Amino acid sequence: MRPRRRDTPFREAMRSLLVFDGAMGSLLYERGIFVMQNFEQLNVTRPDVVARIHEDYVSAGANIIETNTFGANSFRLDRHGLGDQVRA
């Protein structure tokens, strides 16, 4: 008889309803942070705001949240003079 495989968090999640978070940019905008600022830089300069948005999504029922890194690449960061801060 084969030993039963231990469930991984991924397998466990696949047996339940998955609720993802929503837009980060829209909620940042709603909180007075506008598109002239780089949203990914907020992970460093305003982690409280980013964390609060994630907490709000979890409170609303999301069990999967994505990182605030959509535009964290040299092409997008160059627009804000931050391209040299990208590391592989």
Foldseek 3Di string as FASTA:
>chain_A
DDDDDDDDPVNVCVVDDAAEFDDPQVVCVVVPDDPVDDQLCCVPVPVVSVVVSVVVRVVVPHPHYDDSCPPVALVSVVVVVCSVVDDD
